[in-house]
N, C-alpha and C. Protein backbone atom coordinates (compact mmCIF):
# COMPACT_ATOMS: atom_id res chain seq x y z
N MET A 1 -5.66 -17.15 21.78
CA MET A 1 -5.06 -15.83 21.86
C MET A 1 -5.32 -15.09 20.56
N VAL A 2 -5.78 -13.87 20.67
CA VAL A 2 -6.11 -13.06 19.51
C VAL A 2 -5.04 -12.00 19.33
N GLY A 3 -4.59 -11.82 18.07
CA GLY A 3 -3.58 -10.80 17.76
C GLY A 3 -4.21 -9.43 17.64
N ARG A 4 -3.40 -8.49 17.20
CA ARG A 4 -3.89 -7.14 17.01
C ARG A 4 -4.91 -7.10 15.88
N VAL A 5 -5.87 -6.24 16.02
CA VAL A 5 -6.87 -6.08 14.97
C VAL A 5 -6.33 -5.07 13.95
N ALA A 6 -6.34 -5.46 12.68
CA ALA A 6 -5.83 -4.59 11.63
C ALA A 6 -6.80 -3.44 11.38
N ASP A 7 -6.25 -2.31 10.96
CA ASP A 7 -7.08 -1.17 10.60
C ASP A 7 -7.94 -1.53 9.41
N GLU A 8 -9.21 -1.14 9.45
CA GLU A 8 -10.11 -1.43 8.34
C GLU A 8 -9.89 -0.42 7.23
N VAL A 9 -9.79 -0.91 6.01
CA VAL A 9 -9.58 -0.05 4.85
C VAL A 9 -10.91 0.10 4.11
N ILE A 10 -11.41 1.33 4.08
CA ILE A 10 -12.64 1.64 3.36
C ILE A 10 -12.29 2.65 2.29
N LEU A 11 -12.56 2.30 1.04
CA LEU A 11 -12.19 3.15 -0.09
C LEU A 11 -13.38 3.93 -0.62
N SER A 12 -13.11 5.18 -1.00
CA SER A 12 -14.12 5.94 -1.72
C SER A 12 -14.04 5.51 -3.19
N ALA A 13 -15.01 5.91 -3.97
CA ALA A 13 -15.02 5.56 -5.40
C ALA A 13 -13.81 6.17 -6.11
N ASP A 14 -13.45 7.40 -5.75
CA ASP A 14 -12.30 8.06 -6.37
C ASP A 14 -11.00 7.34 -6.02
N GLU A 15 -10.85 6.95 -4.75
CA GLU A 15 -9.64 6.25 -4.34
C GLU A 15 -9.52 4.90 -5.05
N ARG A 16 -10.63 4.18 -5.13
CA ARG A 16 -10.61 2.88 -5.81
C ARG A 16 -10.22 3.03 -7.27
N SER A 17 -10.79 4.01 -7.95
CA SER A 17 -10.47 4.20 -9.37
C SER A 17 -9.01 4.62 -9.54
N PHE A 18 -8.47 5.45 -8.62
CA PHE A 18 -7.07 5.83 -8.70
C PHE A 18 -6.17 4.61 -8.52
N LEU A 19 -6.45 3.78 -7.51
CA LEU A 19 -5.62 2.61 -7.24
C LEU A 19 -5.65 1.63 -8.42
N GLU A 20 -6.83 1.40 -8.98
CA GLU A 20 -6.94 0.49 -10.12
C GLU A 20 -6.23 1.05 -11.35
N ALA A 21 -6.27 2.37 -11.53
CA ALA A 21 -5.59 2.99 -12.66
C ALA A 21 -4.07 2.85 -12.52
N GLN A 22 -3.56 2.97 -11.30
CA GLN A 22 -2.12 2.84 -11.09
C GLN A 22 -1.64 1.42 -11.37
N ILE A 23 -2.47 0.44 -11.10
CA ILE A 23 -2.10 -0.94 -11.38
C ILE A 23 -2.03 -1.18 -12.88
N ARG A 24 -2.96 -0.59 -13.63
CA ARG A 24 -3.00 -0.79 -15.09
C ARG A 24 -1.96 0.04 -15.83
N ARG A 25 -1.49 1.11 -15.22
CA ARG A 25 -0.55 2.03 -15.88
C ARG A 25 0.80 1.36 -16.10
N HIS A 26 1.29 1.38 -17.32
CA HIS A 26 2.55 0.71 -17.64
C HIS A 26 3.76 1.48 -17.13
N LYS A 27 3.65 2.79 -17.02
CA LYS A 27 4.79 3.59 -16.60
C LYS A 27 4.82 3.88 -15.11
N ALA A 28 3.89 3.32 -14.36
CA ALA A 28 3.88 3.52 -12.91
C ALA A 28 5.02 2.72 -12.30
N PRO A 29 5.67 3.24 -11.28
CA PRO A 29 6.72 2.47 -10.61
C PRO A 29 6.16 1.18 -10.02
N ARG A 30 6.95 0.13 -10.09
CA ARG A 30 6.51 -1.17 -9.61
C ARG A 30 6.14 -1.11 -8.13
N SER A 31 6.90 -0.36 -7.36
CA SER A 31 6.63 -0.27 -5.93
C SER A 31 5.25 0.33 -5.67
N LEU A 32 4.87 1.35 -6.42
CA LEU A 32 3.56 1.97 -6.23
C LEU A 32 2.44 1.03 -6.64
N SER A 33 2.61 0.32 -7.74
CA SER A 33 1.55 -0.59 -8.18
C SER A 33 1.39 -1.75 -7.20
N ASP A 34 2.49 -2.22 -6.61
CA ASP A 34 2.40 -3.28 -5.59
C ASP A 34 1.65 -2.78 -4.36
N ARG A 35 1.92 -1.56 -3.96
CA ARG A 35 1.23 -0.98 -2.79
C ARG A 35 -0.26 -0.82 -3.08
N CYS A 36 -0.59 -0.42 -4.30
CA CYS A 36 -2.00 -0.27 -4.68
C CYS A 36 -2.70 -1.62 -4.64
N ARG A 37 -2.03 -2.68 -5.12
CA ARG A 37 -2.61 -4.02 -5.05
C ARG A 37 -2.87 -4.43 -3.60
N MET A 38 -1.90 -4.13 -2.73
CA MET A 38 -2.06 -4.47 -1.31
C MET A 38 -3.30 -3.79 -0.73
N ILE A 39 -3.46 -2.51 -1.00
CA ILE A 39 -4.57 -1.75 -0.44
C ILE A 39 -5.91 -2.25 -0.98
N LEU A 40 -5.95 -2.56 -2.27
CA LEU A 40 -7.20 -3.07 -2.84
C LEU A 40 -7.59 -4.41 -2.22
N LEU A 41 -6.61 -5.29 -1.99
CA LEU A 41 -6.91 -6.56 -1.34
C LEU A 41 -7.32 -6.36 0.11
N CYS A 42 -6.68 -5.42 0.79
CA CYS A 42 -7.06 -5.13 2.18
C CYS A 42 -8.49 -4.59 2.24
N ALA A 43 -8.87 -3.81 1.24
CA ALA A 43 -10.22 -3.24 1.20
C ALA A 43 -11.28 -4.33 0.99
N GLU A 44 -10.87 -5.47 0.42
CA GLU A 44 -11.79 -6.59 0.25
C GLU A 44 -12.02 -7.34 1.57
N GLY A 45 -11.26 -6.97 2.59
CA GLY A 45 -11.45 -7.59 3.90
C GLY A 45 -10.46 -8.69 4.21
N LEU A 46 -9.45 -8.88 3.36
CA LEU A 46 -8.46 -9.92 3.62
C LEU A 46 -7.50 -9.48 4.72
N GLN A 47 -6.97 -10.45 5.45
CA GLN A 47 -5.98 -10.17 6.48
C GLN A 47 -4.62 -9.95 5.84
N SER A 48 -3.72 -9.31 6.58
CA SER A 48 -2.39 -9.02 6.06
C SER A 48 -1.65 -10.29 5.67
N LYS A 49 -1.84 -11.34 6.42
CA LYS A 49 -1.17 -12.60 6.13
C LYS A 49 -1.63 -13.16 4.77
N GLU A 50 -2.92 -13.07 4.51
CA GLU A 50 -3.47 -13.56 3.24
C GLU A 50 -3.00 -12.70 2.06
N VAL A 51 -3.00 -11.39 2.25
CA VAL A 51 -2.55 -10.47 1.20
C VAL A 51 -1.08 -10.72 0.90
N GLY A 52 -0.27 -10.87 1.95
CA GLY A 52 1.15 -11.13 1.77
C GLY A 52 1.41 -12.43 1.02
N ALA A 53 0.66 -13.46 1.34
CA ALA A 53 0.84 -14.75 0.66
C ALA A 53 0.46 -14.63 -0.82
N ARG A 54 -0.58 -13.89 -1.11
CA ARG A 54 -1.01 -13.72 -2.49
C ARG A 54 -0.01 -12.95 -3.33
N LEU A 55 0.58 -11.91 -2.72
CA LEU A 55 1.47 -11.03 -3.47
C LEU A 55 2.95 -11.37 -3.30
N GLY A 56 3.26 -12.30 -2.42
CA GLY A 56 4.66 -12.69 -2.23
C GLY A 56 5.47 -11.70 -1.41
N VAL A 57 4.82 -11.02 -0.47
CA VAL A 57 5.53 -10.10 0.43
C VAL A 57 5.23 -10.52 1.87
N HIS A 58 5.99 -10.00 2.80
CA HIS A 58 5.80 -10.34 4.21
C HIS A 58 4.57 -9.62 4.76
N GLU A 59 3.91 -10.23 5.71
CA GLU A 59 2.70 -9.63 6.29
C GLU A 59 2.99 -8.31 6.98
N HIS A 60 4.21 -8.12 7.49
CA HIS A 60 4.56 -6.85 8.13
C HIS A 60 4.62 -5.72 7.09
N THR A 61 5.04 -6.05 5.88
CA THR A 61 5.06 -5.06 4.81
C THR A 61 3.64 -4.62 4.48
N VAL A 62 2.73 -5.57 4.39
CA VAL A 62 1.33 -5.25 4.12
C VAL A 62 0.77 -4.38 5.25
N GLY A 63 1.09 -4.73 6.49
CA GLY A 63 0.62 -3.95 7.63
C GLY A 63 1.13 -2.53 7.62
N LYS A 64 2.39 -2.36 7.21
CA LYS A 64 2.97 -1.02 7.15
C LYS A 64 2.20 -0.14 6.16
N TRP A 65 1.95 -0.66 4.96
CA TRP A 65 1.27 0.14 3.95
C TRP A 65 -0.20 0.32 4.27
N ARG A 66 -0.79 -0.66 4.94
CA ARG A 66 -2.19 -0.52 5.37
C ARG A 66 -2.30 0.63 6.38
N ARG A 67 -1.40 0.67 7.37
CA ARG A 67 -1.43 1.74 8.37
C ARG A 67 -1.19 3.11 7.73
N ARG A 68 -0.21 3.18 6.81
CA ARG A 68 0.08 4.45 6.17
C ARG A 68 -1.08 4.93 5.31
N PHE A 69 -1.78 3.98 4.64
CA PHE A 69 -2.93 4.39 3.83
C PHE A 69 -4.06 4.88 4.71
N VAL A 70 -4.34 4.18 5.80
CA VAL A 70 -5.43 4.60 6.68
C VAL A 70 -5.13 5.98 7.27
N LYS A 71 -3.86 6.25 7.57
CA LYS A 71 -3.49 7.52 8.18
C LYS A 71 -3.47 8.67 7.16
N ASP A 72 -2.81 8.46 6.01
CA ASP A 72 -2.59 9.55 5.05
C ASP A 72 -3.31 9.38 3.71
N ARG A 73 -4.09 8.32 3.57
CA ARG A 73 -4.81 7.99 2.34
C ARG A 73 -3.84 7.83 1.16
N ILE A 74 -4.13 8.35 -0.02
CA ILE A 74 -3.31 8.11 -1.22
C ILE A 74 -1.89 8.64 -1.03
N GLU A 75 -1.74 9.79 -0.38
CA GLU A 75 -0.41 10.37 -0.18
C GLU A 75 0.49 9.46 0.65
N GLY A 76 -0.09 8.60 1.46
CA GLY A 76 0.69 7.69 2.29
C GLY A 76 1.37 6.58 1.52
N LEU A 77 1.01 6.38 0.26
CA LEU A 77 1.59 5.30 -0.53
C LEU A 77 2.89 5.71 -1.23
N THR A 78 3.23 6.98 -1.20
CA THR A 78 4.47 7.42 -1.83
C THR A 78 5.63 7.25 -0.87
N ASP A 79 6.84 7.18 -1.43
CA ASP A 79 8.03 7.04 -0.60
C ASP A 79 8.29 8.32 0.16
N GLU A 80 8.72 8.17 1.41
CA GLU A 80 9.09 9.34 2.20
C GLU A 80 10.52 9.73 1.87
N TYR A 81 10.82 11.00 2.06
CA TYR A 81 12.19 11.45 1.85
C TYR A 81 13.09 10.81 2.89
N ARG A 82 14.30 10.48 2.48
CA ARG A 82 15.24 9.84 3.39
C ARG A 82 16.22 10.87 3.93
N PRO A 83 16.63 10.67 5.17
CA PRO A 83 17.58 11.62 5.75
C PRO A 83 18.97 11.45 5.13
N GLY A 84 19.77 12.46 5.30
CA GLY A 84 21.14 12.37 4.82
C GLY A 84 21.43 13.42 3.76
N ARG A 85 22.61 13.32 3.23
CA ARG A 85 23.06 14.26 2.25
C ARG A 85 22.27 14.10 0.95
N PRO A 86 21.89 15.21 0.33
CA PRO A 86 21.17 15.12 -0.95
C PRO A 86 22.05 14.51 -2.04
N ARG A 87 21.42 13.92 -3.02
CA ARG A 87 22.17 13.32 -4.13
C ARG A 87 22.89 14.40 -4.91
N THR A 88 24.09 14.07 -5.38
CA THR A 88 24.86 15.04 -6.16
C THR A 88 24.90 14.67 -7.62
N VAL A 89 24.58 13.42 -7.97
CA VAL A 89 24.58 13.00 -9.36
C VAL A 89 23.19 13.25 -9.93
N SER A 90 23.14 13.93 -11.05
CA SER A 90 21.83 14.23 -11.65
C SER A 90 21.48 13.23 -12.74
């Protein structure tokens, strides 16, 4: 039995350099650098299960970010706004 086929991640030179720069940046949020690592490993042709095992995250998490990157490219790696009342503490 064969599972779903993952979306193929193909990076342009600009996208690859941006992702690698975010990983090296000390002030980048940890969540963004983890997502960049996931996408770079996916671009190497690894399956979500392998990427998850390497980075210590669940394969569904890798699949989520892979799908969002394929759909929205770099903009897909940022957090979406959450519903509800806006924050009142500044």
